[in-house]
Amino acid sequence: MKKAFTKTQESHITVVLISGPDEEVKKVRISKAFLKSTALFTAMFLSYSIALSTGYLYLDKNHQTALGRIEYLENDNERQSTEIAGLYNYSDKVKEKMENLIEFDGEVRSMVGLKSQSHKRLEEFQGTLVASRGGVINRLSGMENAELAETRMTPTVMMSSVNNLDDSVQVLSSQMDIQQKEMDKLLSDVDARLAYLEARPSFLPVSGTITSRFGGRKHPFTKSYDFHEAVDIATKSGTAIRVPGKGVVTFSGRKSGYGNIVVVSHGYGIVTRYAHNSVNLVKTGDKVYKGQIIARVGSTGVSTGPHVHFEVELNGRAVDPIKFVNSDS
């Protein structure tokens, strides 16, 4: 079939269709307006199709990018959650160590006879830490890293957690500074306490029979009542007399009524005297340690038999030696 186009004078185009030499010639008239409309529609359709395809490709690319971004953010959230969990757990470990240090402080003080306020200090520490933590940290604290990561915290929860963690770290840091000072004070207090305990008389200088106690009594020679400022401990002559506390010998020699006497200053206002000795084994100015032999039992001076006249003076005042050495103070 052959096609031929002929133009009308104005608004139409005639299309001549020839199928063969013996076939009838067919003519089709097509409006120019229709052709223009068809061409415009085709052009618009093609443009729309191209735009749609381009838009789809663009949206698909953005969608894939968005999915990749979401996956990255989810992984980052999980990583940050794990890190936060680790910091919480580390914070809890520091808190536990701080509590152990406070308790240890109290135990050491109790061991050496110092007043302990560890319970009060522990309550203050825990109260300060709790005040710095909100509900989020209380809920998350102690969770394993994996558990916390699985929670996939929202940005709000994560920010709240970080803020609470920051508050806790600041509190722990300040508490560590305080505890450092407390430990320094503990060492100083313990050193001072041990020095005091080393110097403080804590036992009787000999073992024996107490023949005369501290207080009012009838004098063995004058038979009149007087105040006995010591305890008399009877034992075998020559028995070693041991000083019950560290100190310095301030007198070693003879005195009227006392016979051979040794006087020891222990510091802290404490002075002890050991009289009627058969022999003194230390001299004035000697430093003596707790338990050292300083003399031997005798019956020199005004004495009814071998014994030790043992006096304890505290801040210039005579005190009962038995009560003093048995006291925990």
C-alpha atoms as a PDB file:
ATOM      1  CA  MET A   1       0.000   0.000   0.000  1.00  0.00           C
ATOM      2  CA  LYS A   2       1.306   3.413  -0.830  1.00  0.00           C
ATOM      3  CA  LYS A   3       0.586   6.533   1.109  1.00  0.00           C
ATOM      4  CA  ALA A   4       0.388  10.046  -0.231  1.00  0.00           C
ATOM      5  CA  PHE A   5      -0.267  13.268   1.534  1.00  0.00           C
ATOM      6  CA  THR A   6      -2.088  16.208   0.062  1.00  0.00           C
ATOM      7  CA  LYS A   7      -2.758  19.455   1.695  1.00  0.00           C
ATOM      8  CA  THR A   8      -6.052  21.221   1.805  1.00  0.00           C
ATOM      9  CA  GLN A   9      -5.999  24.869   1.456  1.00  0.00           C
ATOM     10  CA  GLU A  10      -6.511  25.571   5.129  1.00  0.00           C
ATOM     11  CA  SER A  11      -7.509  23.353   8.031  1.00  0.00           C
ATOM     12  CA  HIS A  12      -7.179  19.769   6.838  1.00  0.00           C
ATOM     13  CA  ILE A  13      -4.639  17.365   5.436  1.00  0.00           C
ATOM     14  CA  THR A  14      -5.788  14.661   3.000  1.00  0.00           C
ATOM     15  CA  VAL A  15      -4.081  11.297   3.210  1.00  0.00           C
ATOM     16  CA  VAL A  16      -4.391   9.156   0.008  1.00  0.00           C
ATOM     17  CA  LEU A  17      -4.150   5.413   0.584  1.00  0.00           C
ATOM     18  CA  ILE A  18      -3.302   3.257  -2.472  1.00  0.00           C
ATOM     19  CA  SER A  19      -3.377  -0.488  -1.838  1.00  0.00           C
ATOM     20  CA  GLY A  20      -2.583  -1.679  -5.357  1.00  0.00           C
ATOM     21  CA  PRO A  21      -3.007  -0.905  -9.056  1.00  0.00           C
ATOM     22  CA  ASP A  22      -6.485  -2.374  -9.224  1.00  0.00           C
ATOM     23  CA  GLU A  23      -7.666  -1.227  -5.858  1.00  0.00           C
ATOM     24  CA  GLU A  24      -9.829   1.751  -5.151  1.00  0.00           C
ATOM     25  CA  VAL A  25      -7.999   4.852  -3.965  1.00  0.00           C
ATOM     26  CA  LYS A  26      -8.939   5.871  -0.441  1.00  0.00           C
ATOM     27  CA  LYS A  27      -8.689   9.352   0.901  1.00  0.00           C
ATOM     28  CA  VAL A  28      -8.630  10.315   4.595  1.00  0.00           C
ATOM     29  CA  ARG A  29      -8.934  13.886   5.716  1.00  0.00           C
ATOM     30  CA  ILE A  30      -7.173  14.749   9.008  1.00  0.00           C
ATOM     31  CA  SER A  31      -7.702  18.001  10.799  1.00  0.00           C
ATOM     32  CA  LYS A  32      -4.581  20.072  11.389  1.00  0.00           C
ATOM     33  CA  ALA A  33      -5.882  20.854  14.850  1.00  0.00           C
ATOM     34  CA  PHE A  34      -6.134  17.129  15.583  1.00  0.00           C
ATOM     35  CA  LEU A  35      -2.589  16.579  14.399  1.00  0.00           C
ATOM     36  CA  LYS A  36      -1.340  19.425  16.519  1.00  0.00           C
ATOM     37  CA  SER A  37      -3.273  18.145  19.533  1.00  0.00           C
ATOM     38  CA  THR A  38      -1.962  14.638  18.971  1.00  0.00           C
ATOM     39  CA  ALA A  39       1.581  15.872  18.599  1.00  0.00           C
ATOM     40  CA  LEU A  40       1.214  18.034  21.730  1.00  0.00           C
ATOM     41  CA  PHE A  41      -0.281  15.150  23.692  1.00  0.00           C
ATOM     42  CA  THR A  42       2.467  12.829  22.526  1.00  0.00           C
ATOM     43  CA  ALA A  43       5.090  15.343  23.470  1.00  0.00           C
ATOM     44  CA  MET A  44       3.479  15.901  26.883  1.00  0.00           C
ATOM     45  CA  PHE A  45       3.144  12.166  27.435  1.00  0.00           C
ATOM     46  CA  LEU A  46       6.767  11.601  26.567  1.00  0.00           C
ATOM     47  CA  SER A  47       7.835  14.500  28.781  1.00  0.00           C
ATOM     48  CA  TYR A  48       5.707  13.223  31.638  1.00  0.00           C
ATOM     49  CA  SER A  49       7.041   9.712  31.176  1.00  0.00           C
ATOM     50  CA  ILE A  50      10.594  10.979  31.167  1.00  0.00           C
ATOM     51  CA  ALA A  51       9.926  13.171  34.206  1.00  0.00           C
ATOM     52  CA  LEU A  52       8.199  10.314  35.992  1.00  0.00           C
ATOM     53  CA  SER A  53      11.024   7.938  35.228  1.00  0.00           C
ATOM     54  CA  THR A  54      13.595  10.503  36.280  1.00  0.00           C
ATOM     55  CA  GLY A  55      11.627  11.280  39.474  1.00  0.00           C
ATOM     56  CA  TYR A  56      11.273   7.605  40.282  1.00  0.00           C
ATOM     57  CA  LEU A  57      14.973   7.059  39.816  1.00  0.00           C
ATOM     58  CA  TYR A  58      15.676  10.126  41.979  1.00  0.00           C
ATOM     59  CA  LEU A  59      13.250   9.057  44.681  1.00  0.00           C
ATOM     60  CA  ASP A  60      14.551   5.516  44.608  1.00  0.00           C
ATOM     61  CA  LYS A  61      18.085   6.795  44.997  1.00  0.00           C
ATOM     62  CA  ASN A  62      17.022   9.068  47.874  1.00  0.00           C
ATOM     63  CA  HIS A  63      15.092   6.194  49.404  1.00  0.00           C
ATOM     64  CA  GLN A  64      18.141   3.969  49.304  1.00  0.00           C
ATOM     65  CA  THR A  65      20.231   6.814  50.735  1.00  0.00           C
ATOM     66  CA  ALA A  66      17.656   7.322  53.482  1.00  0.00           C
ATOM     67  CA  LEU A  67      17.622   3.608  54.274  1.00  0.00           C
ATOM     68  CA  GLY A  68      21.400   3.633  54.462  1.00  0.00           C
ATOM     69  CA  ARG A  69      21.277   6.678  56.744  1.00  0.00           C
ATOM     70  CA  ILE A  70      18.678   5.047  58.981  1.00  0.00           C
ATOM     71  CA  GLU A  71      20.780   1.910  59.233  1.00  0.00           C
ATOM     72  CA  TYR A  72      23.834   4.016  60.083  1.00  0.00           C
ATOM     73  CA  LEU A  73      21.907   5.932  62.724  1.00  0.00           C
ATOM     74  CA  GLU A  74      20.541   2.705  64.220  1.00  0.00           C
ATOM     75  CA  ASN A  75      24.045   1.243  64.386  1.00  0.00           C
ATOM     76  CA  ASP A  76      25.364   4.490  65.844  1.00  0.00           C
ATOM     77  CA  ASN A  77      22.547   4.500  68.384  1.00  0.00           C
ATOM     78  CA  GLU A  78      23.414   0.954  69.357  1.00  0.00           C
ATOM     79  CA  ARG A  79      27.093   1.859  69.649  1.00  0.00           C
ATOM     80  CA  GLN A  80      26.336   4.901  71.778  1.00  0.00           C
ATOM     81  CA  SER A  81      23.927   2.876  73.918  1.00  0.00           C
ATOM     82  CA  THR A  82      26.671   0.322  74.503  1.00  0.00           C
ATOM     83  CA  GLU A  83      29.164   3.053  75.392  1.00  0.00           C
ATOM     84  CA  ILE A  84      26.678   4.655  77.785  1.00  0.00           C
ATOM     85  CA  ALA A  85      26.020   1.256  79.351  1.00  0.00           C
ATOM     86  CA  GLY A  86      29.754   0.780  79.815  1.00  0.00           C
ATOM     87  CA  LEU A  87      30.066   4.184  81.458  1.00  0.00           C
ATOM     88  CA  TYR A  88      27.129   3.415  83.750  1.00  0.00           C
ATOM     89  CA  ASN A  89      28.720   0.135  84.769  1.00  0.00           C
ATOM     90  CA  TYR A  90      32.076   1.860  85.317  1.00  0.00           C
ATOM     91  CA  SER A  91      30.310   4.526  87.366  1.00  0.00           C
ATOM     92  CA  ASP A  92      28.723   1.801  89.490  1.00  0.00           C
ATOM     93  CA  LYS A  93      32.109   0.148  90.020  1.00  0.00           C
ATOM     94  CA  VAL A  94      33.644   3.467  91.110  1.00  0.00           C
ATOM     95  CA  LYS A  95      30.666   3.994  93.434  1.00  0.00           C
ATOM     96  CA  GLU A  96      31.166   0.522  94.912  1.00  0.00           C
ATOM     97  CA  LYS A  97      34.875   1.141  95.461  1.00  0.00           C
ATOM     98  CA  MET A  98      34.101   4.466  97.106  1.00  0.00           C
ATOM     99  CA  GLU A  99      31.647   2.768  99.451  1.00  0.00           C
ATOM    100  CA  ASN A 100      34.267   0.116 100.260  1.00  0.00           C
ATOM    101  CA  LEU A 101      36.825   2.822 101.023  1.00  0.00           C
ATOM    102  CA  ILE A 102      34.397   4.588 103.352  1.00  0.00           C
ATOM    103  CA  GLU A 103      33.624   1.308 105.132  1.00  0.00           C
ATOM    104  CA  PHE A 104      37.347   0.496 105.310  1.00  0.00           C
ATOM    105  CA  ASP A 105      37.941   3.913 106.867  1.00  0.00           C
ATOM    106  CA  GLY A 106      35.423   3.072 109.580  1.00  0.00           C
ATOM    107  CA  GLU A 107      36.858  -0.411 110.164  1.00  0.00           C
ATOM    108  CA  VAL A 108      40.398   0.914 110.582  1.00  0.00           C
ATOM    109  CA  ARG A 109      39.238   3.599 112.984  1.00  0.00           C
ATOM    110  CA  SER A 110      37.324   1.057 115.048  1.00  0.00           C
ATOM    111  CA  MET A 111      40.346  -1.265 115.129  1.00  0.00           C
ATOM    112  CA  VAL A 112      42.577   1.384 116.674  1.00  0.00           C
ATOM    113  CA  GLY A 113      39.893   2.793 118.956  1.00  0.00           C
ATOM    114  CA  LEU A 114      39.118   5.951 116.992  1.00  0.00           C
ATOM    115  CA  LYS A 115      35.605   7.289 116.694  1.00  0.00           C
ATOM    116  CA  SER A 116      34.109   6.300 113.367  1.00  0.00           C
ATOM    117  CA  GLN A 117      31.485   8.187 111.382  1.00  0.00           C
ATOM    118  CA  SER A 118      31.617   5.912 108.355  1.00  0.00           C
ATOM    119  CA  HIS A 119      27.878   5.147 108.500  1.00  0.00           C
ATOM    120  CA  LYS A 120      27.042   8.837 108.376  1.00  0.00           C
ATOM    121  CA  ARG A 121      29.630   9.436 105.666  1.00  0.00           C
ATOM    122  CA  LEU A 122      28.253   6.498 103.651  1.00  0.00           C
ATOM    123  CA  GLU A 123      24.686   7.794 103.919  1.00  0.00           C
ATOM    124  CA  GLU A 124      25.796  11.270 102.833  1.00  0.00           C
ATOM    125  CA  PHE A 125      27.718   9.846  99.867  1.00  0.00           C
ATOM    126  CA  GLN A 126      24.835   7.662  98.706  1.00  0.00           C
ATOM    127  CA  GLY A 127      22.341  10.485  99.218  1.00  0.00           C
ATOM    128  CA  THR A 128      24.445  12.919  97.203  1.00  0.00           C
ATOM    129  CA  LEU A 129      24.843  10.397  94.388  1.00  0.00           C
ATOM    130  CA  VAL A 130      21.147   9.524  94.297  1.00  0.00           C
ATOM    131  CA  ALA A 131      20.249  13.216  94.212  1.00  0.00           C
ATOM    132  CA  SER A 132      22.405  13.600  91.098  1.00  0.00           C
ATOM    133  CA  ARG A 133      20.677  10.720  89.312  1.00  0.00           C
ATOM    134  CA  GLY A 134      17.266  10.810  87.709  1.00  0.00           C
ATOM    135  CA  GLY A 135      14.807   7.996  87.032  1.00  0.00           C
ATOM    136  CA  VAL A 136      16.561   7.113  83.765  1.00  0.00           C
ATOM    137  CA  ILE A 137      19.875   6.301  85.345  1.00  0.00           C
ATOM    138  CA  ASN A 138      18.182   4.337  88.090  1.00  0.00           C
ATOM    139  CA  ARG A 139      16.391   2.301  85.437  1.00  0.00           C
ATOM    140  CA  LEU A 140      19.470   1.764  83.288  1.00  0.00           C
ATOM    141  CA  SER A 141      22.050   1.398  86.022  1.00  0.00           C
ATOM    142  CA  GLY A 142      23.390  -2.124  86.386  1.00  0.00           C
ATOM    143  CA  MET A 143      22.156  -3.348  82.987  1.00  0.00           C
ATOM    144  CA  GLU A 144      24.536  -5.316  80.847  1.00  0.00           C
ATOM    145  CA  ASN A 145      25.915  -3.576  77.783  1.00  0.00           C
ATOM    146  CA  ALA A 146      24.005  -5.845  75.399  1.00  0.00           C
ATOM    147  CA  GLU A 147      20.718  -5.280  77.210  1.00  0.00           C
ATOM    148  CA  LEU A 148      21.162  -1.541  77.167  1.00  0.00           C
ATOM    149  CA  ALA A 149      22.129  -1.581  73.498  1.00  0.00           C
ATOM    150  CA  GLU A 150      18.986  -3.535  72.669  1.00  0.00           C
ATOM    151  CA  THR A 151      16.827  -0.831  74.245  1.00  0.00           C
ATOM    152  CA  ARG A 152      17.817   1.497  71.354  1.00  0.00           C
ATOM    153  CA  MET A 153      17.342   4.624  73.357  1.00  0.00           C
ATOM    154  CA  THR A 154      15.475   7.504  71.821  1.00  0.00           C
ATOM    155  CA  PRO A 155      17.409  10.771  71.443  1.00  0.00           C
ATOM    156  CA  THR A 156      15.489  12.195  74.431  1.00  0.00           C
ATOM    157  CA  VAL A 157      16.280   9.215  76.644  1.00  0.00           C
ATOM    158  CA  MET A 158      19.884   9.171  75.462  1.00  0.00           C
ATOM    159  CA  MET A 159      20.367  12.870  76.164  1.00  0.00           C
ATOM    160  CA  SER A 160      18.777  12.468  79.596  1.00  0.00           C
ATOM    161  CA  SER A 161      21.024   9.491  80.277  1.00  0.00           C
ATOM    162  CA  VAL A 162      24.135  11.392  79.242  1.00  0.00           C
ATOM    163  CA  ASN A 163      23.155  14.388  81.404  1.00  0.00           C
ATOM    164  CA  ASN A 164      22.508  12.150  84.413  1.00  0.00           C
ATOM    165  CA  LEU A 165      25.752  10.303  83.788  1.00  0.00           C
ATOM    166  CA  ASP A 166      27.623  13.587  83.603  1.00  0.00           C
ATOM    167  CA  ASP A 167      26.071  14.648  86.921  1.00  0.00           C
ATOM    168  CA  SER A 168      27.068  11.340  88.496  1.00  0.00           C
ATOM    169  CA  VAL A 169      30.627  11.619  87.216  1.00  0.00           C
ATOM    170  CA  GLN A 170      30.916  15.121  88.658  1.00  0.00           C
ATOM    171  CA  VAL A 171      29.575  13.914  92.013  1.00  0.00           C
ATOM    172  CA  LEU A 172      31.925  10.924  92.018  1.00  0.00           C
ATOM    173  CA  SER A 173      34.838  13.184  91.134  1.00  0.00           C
ATOM    174  CA  SER A 174      34.078  15.577  93.989  1.00  0.00           C
ATOM    175  CA  GLN A 175      33.482  12.661  96.363  1.00  0.00           C
ATOM    176  CA  MET A 176      36.814  11.152  95.365  1.00  0.00           C
ATOM    177  CA  ASP A 177      38.517  14.413  96.277  1.00  0.00           C
ATOM    178  CA  ILE A 178      36.727  14.350  99.628  1.00  0.00           C
ATOM    179  CA  GLN A 179      37.642  10.705 100.173  1.00  0.00           C
ATOM    180  CA  GLN A 180      41.270  11.433  99.346  1.00  0.00           C
ATOM    181  CA  LYS A 181      41.294  14.033 102.109  1.00  0.00           C
ATOM    182  CA  GLU A 182      39.517  11.560 104.406  1.00  0.00           C
ATOM    183  CA  MET A 183      42.155   8.918 103.677  1.00  0.00           C
ATOM    184  CA  ASP A 184      44.951  11.402 104.340  1.00  0.00           C
ATOM    185  CA  LYS A 185      43.240  12.305 107.605  1.00  0.00           C
ATOM    186  CA  LEU A 186      42.771   8.618 108.406  1.00  0.00           C
ATOM    187  CA  LEU A 187      46.480   7.936 107.958  1.00  0.00           C
ATOM    188  CA  SER A 188      47.334  10.914 110.139  1.00  0.00           C
ATOM    189  CA  ASP A 189      44.784   9.923 112.793  1.00  0.00           C
ATOM    190  CA  VAL A 190      45.917   6.292 112.781  1.00  0.00           C
ATOM    191  CA  ASP A 191      49.574   7.296 113.093  1.00  0.00           C
ATOM    192  CA  ALA A 192      48.695   9.562 115.998  1.00  0.00           C
ATOM    193  CA  ARG A 193      46.503   6.877 117.580  1.00  0.00           C
ATOM    194  CA  LEU A 194      49.166   4.190 117.237  1.00  0.00           C
ATOM    195  CA  ALA A 195      51.736   6.531 118.747  1.00  0.00           C
ATOM    196  CA  TYR A 196      49.355   7.158 121.653  1.00  0.00           C
ATOM    197  CA  LEU A 197      48.649   3.453 122.133  1.00  0.00           C
ATOM    198  CA  GLU A 198      52.364   2.725 122.075  1.00  0.00           C
ATOM    199  CA  ALA A 199      52.967   5.309 124.778  1.00  0.00           C
ATOM    200  CA  ARG A 200      49.865   4.695 126.888  1.00  0.00           C
ATOM    201  CA  PRO A 201      50.430   2.242 129.814  1.00  0.00           C
ATOM    202  CA  SER A 202      48.219  -0.755 129.050  1.00  0.00           C
ATOM    203  CA  PHE A 203      49.274  -3.403 131.574  1.00  0.00           C
ATOM    204  CA  LEU A 204      50.661  -3.731 135.095  1.00  0.00           C
ATOM    205  CA  PRO A 205      54.476  -3.745 135.357  1.00  0.00           C
ATOM    206  CA  VAL A 206      54.579  -7.138 137.111  1.00  0.00           C
ATOM    207  CA  SER A 207      52.319 -10.077 137.831  1.00  0.00           C
ATOM    208  CA  GLY A 208      51.643 -10.634 141.496  1.00  0.00           C
ATOM    209  CA  THR A 209      49.293 -10.067 144.427  1.00  0.00           C
ATOM    210  CA  ILE A 210      47.808  -6.613 144.921  1.00  0.00           C
ATOM    211  CA  THR A 211      48.380  -5.909 148.608  1.00  0.00           C
ATOM    212  CA  SER A 212      47.269  -2.281 148.652  1.00  0.00           C
ATOM    213  CA  ARG A 213      44.864  -0.594 146.238  1.00  0.00           C
ATOM    214  CA  PHE A 214      44.429   2.970 145.067  1.00  0.00           C
ATOM    215  CA  GLY A 215      42.476   5.102 147.552  1.00  0.00           C
ATOM    216  CA  GLY A 216      42.039   5.534 151.310  1.00  0.00           C
ATOM    217  CA  ARG A 217      43.767   3.013 153.569  1.00  0.00           C
ATOM    218  CA  LYS A 218      45.433   2.546 156.965  1.00  0.00           C
ATOM    219  CA  HIS A 219      49.163   3.217 156.627  1.00  0.00           C
ATOM    220  CA  PRO A 220      51.125   0.034 157.426  1.00  0.00           C
ATOM    221  CA  PHE A 221      53.576   1.883 159.669  1.00  0.00           C
ATOM    222  CA  THR A 222      51.810   4.945 161.082  1.00  0.00           C
ATOM    223  CA  LYS A 223      48.459   3.107 161.340  1.00  0.00           C
ATOM    224  CA  SER A 224      46.723   6.365 160.409  1.00  0.00           C
ATOM    225  CA  TYR A 225      44.376   6.702 157.444  1.00  0.00           C
ATOM    226  CA  ASP A 226      45.878   8.289 154.363  1.00  0.00           C
ATOM    227  CA  PHE A 227      45.283   8.334 150.597  1.00  0.00           C
ATOM    228  CA  HIS A 228      47.323   5.768 148.657  1.00  0.00           C
ATOM    229  CA  GLU A 229      48.044   7.169 145.192  1.00  0.00           C
ATOM    230  CA  ALA A 230      49.245   3.869 143.756  1.00  0.00           C
ATOM    231  CA  VAL A 231      48.787   0.109 143.790  1.00  0.00           C
ATOM    232  CA  ASP A 232      51.249  -2.178 145.556  1.00  0.00           C
ATOM    233  CA  ILE A 233      51.914  -5.451 143.744  1.00  0.00           C
ATOM    234  CA  ALA A 234      53.755  -8.061 145.808  1.00  0.00           C
ATOM    235  CA  THR A 235      55.953 -10.561 143.983  1.00  0.00           C
ATOM    236  CA  LYS A 236      59.300 -12.332 144.250  1.00  0.00           C
ATOM    237  CA  SER A 237      62.360 -10.149 144.769  1.00  0.00           C
ATOM    238  CA  GLY A 238      64.371  -9.657 141.570  1.00  0.00           C
ATOM    239  CA  THR A 239      61.330 -10.057 139.298  1.00  0.00           C
ATOM    240  CA  ALA A 240      61.652  -7.971 136.143  1.00  0.00           C
ATOM    241  CA  ILE A 241      59.670  -4.710 136.131  1.00  0.00           C
ATOM    242  CA  ARG A 242      58.490  -3.906 132.613  1.00  0.00           C
ATOM    243  CA  VAL A 243      57.411  -0.437 131.554  1.00  0.00           C
ATOM    244  CA  PRO A 244      53.823  -0.667 130.206  1.00  0.00           C
ATOM    245  CA  GLY A 245      54.236   2.135 127.671  1.00  0.00           C
ATOM    246  CA  LYS A 246      56.806   3.895 125.523  1.00  0.00           C
ATOM    247  CA  GLY A 247      58.369   6.989 127.047  1.00  0.00           C
ATOM    248  CA  VAL A 248      61.402   8.812 128.430  1.00  0.00           C
ATOM    249  CA  VAL A 249      62.948   8.284 131.864  1.00  0.00           C
ATOM    250  CA  THR A 250      62.746  11.604 133.721  1.00  0.00           C
ATOM    251  CA  PHE A 251      64.231  10.276 136.967  1.00  0.00           C
ATOM    252  CA  SER A 252      66.151   7.175 138.025  1.00  0.00           C
ATOM    253  CA  GLY A 253      67.633   7.102 141.540  1.00  0.00           C
ATOM    254  CA  ARG A 254      66.680   7.119 145.220  1.00  0.00           C
ATOM    255  CA  LYS A 255      64.028   9.147 146.986  1.00  0.00           C
ATOM    256  CA  SER A 256      63.034   9.279 150.630  1.00  0.00           C
ATOM    257  CA  GLY A 257      60.369   6.683 151.394  1.00  0.00           C
ATOM    258  CA  TYR A 258      60.405   5.322 147.830  1.00  0.00           C
ATOM    259  CA  GLY A 259      63.878   3.799 147.876  1.00  0.00           C
ATOM    260  CA  ASN A 260      65.016   3.141 144.326  1.00  0.00           C
ATOM    261  CA  ILE A 261      62.486   4.701 141.944  1.00  0.00           C
ATOM    262  CA  VAL A 262      62.108   5.126 138.210  1.00  0.00           C
ATOM    263  CA  VAL A 263      59.854   7.869 136.794  1.00  0.00           C
ATOM    264  CA  VAL A 264      58.777   7.693 133.121  1.00  0.00           C
ATOM    265  CA  SER A 265      57.043  10.400 131.080  1.00  0.00           C
ATOM    266  CA  HIS A 266      54.899   8.865 128.341  1.00  0.00           C
ATOM    267  CA  GLY A 267      53.655  12.111 126.823  1.00  0.00           C
ATOM    268  CA  TYR A 268      49.963  12.990 126.520  1.00  0.00           C
ATOM    269  CA  GLY A 269      50.093  14.137 130.158  1.00  0.00           C
ATOM    270  CA  ILE A 270      50.859  10.606 131.427  1.00  0.00           C
ATOM    271  CA  VAL A 271      53.584   9.905 134.011  1.00  0.00           C
ATOM    272  CA  THR A 272      54.280   6.562 135.760  1.00  0.00           C
ATOM    273  CA  ARG A 273      56.398   5.729 138.836  1.00  0.00           C
ATOM    274  CA  TYR A 274      57.953   2.424 139.943  1.00  0.00           C
ATOM    275  CA  ALA A 275      59.307   2.383 143.498  1.00  0.00           C
ATOM    276  CA  HIS A 276      61.055   0.143 146.118  1.00  0.00           C
ATOM    277  CA  ASN A 277      63.171  -1.453 143.373  1.00  0.00           C
ATOM    278  CA  SER A 278      66.166  -3.573 144.251  1.00  0.00           C
ATOM    279  CA  VAL A 279      67.983  -2.070 141.274  1.00  0.00           C
ATOM    280  CA  ASN A 280      67.207   0.405 138.499  1.00  0.00           C
ATOM    281  CA  LEU A 281      68.289  -0.677 134.996  1.00  0.00           C
ATOM    282  CA  VAL A 282      67.768   2.644 133.204  1.00  0.00           C
ATOM    283  CA  LYS A 283      69.090   6.128 133.769  1.00  0.00           C
ATOM    284  CA  THR A 284      67.591   9.589 133.442  1.00  0.00           C
ATOM    285  CA  GLY A 285      67.145  10.605 129.801  1.00  0.00           C
ATOM    286  CA  ASP A 286      66.847   7.065 128.461  1.00  0.00           C
ATOM    287  CA  LYS A 287      64.122   6.338 125.912  1.00  0.00           C
ATOM    288  CA  VAL A 288      62.231   3.189 126.783  1.00  0.00           C
ATOM    289  CA  TYR A 289      59.911   1.058 124.658  1.00  0.00           C
ATOM    290  CA  LYS A 290      56.741  -0.696 125.694  1.00  0.00           C
ATOM    291  CA  GLY A 291      57.575  -3.903 127.583  1.00  0.00           C
ATOM    292  CA  GLN A 292      61.221  -3.026 128.259  1.00  0.00           C
ATOM    293  CA  ILE A 293      62.706  -4.132 131.604  1.00  0.00           C
ATOM    294  CA  ILE A 294      63.543  -0.972 133.547  1.00  0.00           C
ATOM    295  CA  ALA A 295      64.158  -2.314 137.092  1.00  0.00           C
ATOM    296  CA  ARG A 296      63.828  -5.319 139.381  1.00  0.00           C
ATOM    297  CA  VAL A 297      61.510  -5.865 142.328  1.00  0.00           C
ATOM    298  CA  GLY A 298      62.919  -5.086 145.750  1.00  0.00           C
ATOM    299  CA  SER A 299      62.009  -3.709 149.163  1.00  0.00           C
ATOM    300  CA  THR A 300      64.034  -0.500 149.388  1.00  0.00           C
ATOM    301  CA  GLY A 301      62.688   2.588 151.163  1.00  0.00           C
ATOM    302  CA  VAL A 302      59.677   2.355 153.466  1.00  0.00           C
ATOM    303  CA  SER A 303      58.483  -1.154 152.586  1.00  0.00           C
ATOM    304  CA  THR A 304      57.052  -4.211 154.316  1.00  0.00           C
ATOM    305  CA  GLY A 305      58.392  -6.676 151.727  1.00  0.00           C
ATOM    306  CA  PRO A 306      59.263  -7.141 148.057  1.00  0.00           C
ATOM    307  CA  HIS A 307      56.710  -5.339 145.890  1.00  0.00           C
ATOM    308  CA  VAL A 308      56.293  -2.652 143.234  1.00  0.00           C
ATOM    309  CA  HIS A 309      54.699   0.653 144.168  1.00  0.00           C
ATOM    310  CA  PHE A 310      53.094   1.614 140.815  1.00  0.00           C
ATOM    311  CA  GLU A 311      51.687   5.096 140.276  1.00  0.00           C
ATOM    312  CA  VAL A 312      49.941   6.632 137.267  1.00  0.00           C
ATOM    313  CA  GLU A 313      49.533  10.378 136.943  1.00  0.00           C
ATOM    314  CA  LEU A 314      47.336  11.977 134.272  1.00  0.00           C
ATOM    315  CA  ASN A 315      47.673  15.729 133.669  1.00  0.00           C
ATOM    316  CA  GLY A 316      49.196  16.198 137.128  1.00  0.00           C
ATOM    317  CA  ARG A 317      46.518  14.188 138.926  1.00  0.00           C
ATOM    318  CA  ALA A 318      46.886  10.690 140.387  1.00  0.00           C
ATOM    319  CA  VAL A 319      44.495   8.105 138.888  1.00  0.00           C
ATOM    320  CA  ASP A 320      43.782   4.477 139.713  1.00  0.00           C
ATOM    321  CA  PRO A 321      46.469   2.499 137.813  1.00  0.00           C
ATOM    322  CA  ILE A 322      44.300  -0.621 137.486  1.00  0.00           C
ATOM    323  CA  LYS A 323      41.368   1.270 135.985  1.00  0.00           C
ATOM    324  CA  PHE A 324      43.697   3.228 133.756  1.00  0.00           C
ATOM    325  CA  VAL A 325      45.499   0.248 132.207  1.00  0.00           C
ATOM    326  CA  ASN A 326      42.191  -1.578 131.725  1.00  0.00           C
ATOM    327  CA  SER A 327      40.529   1.389 130.060  1.00  0.00           C
ATOM    328  CA  ASP A 328      40.023   1.490 126.273  1.00  0.00           C
ATOM    329  CA  SER A 329      40.539   5.246 126.062  1.00  0.00           C
END
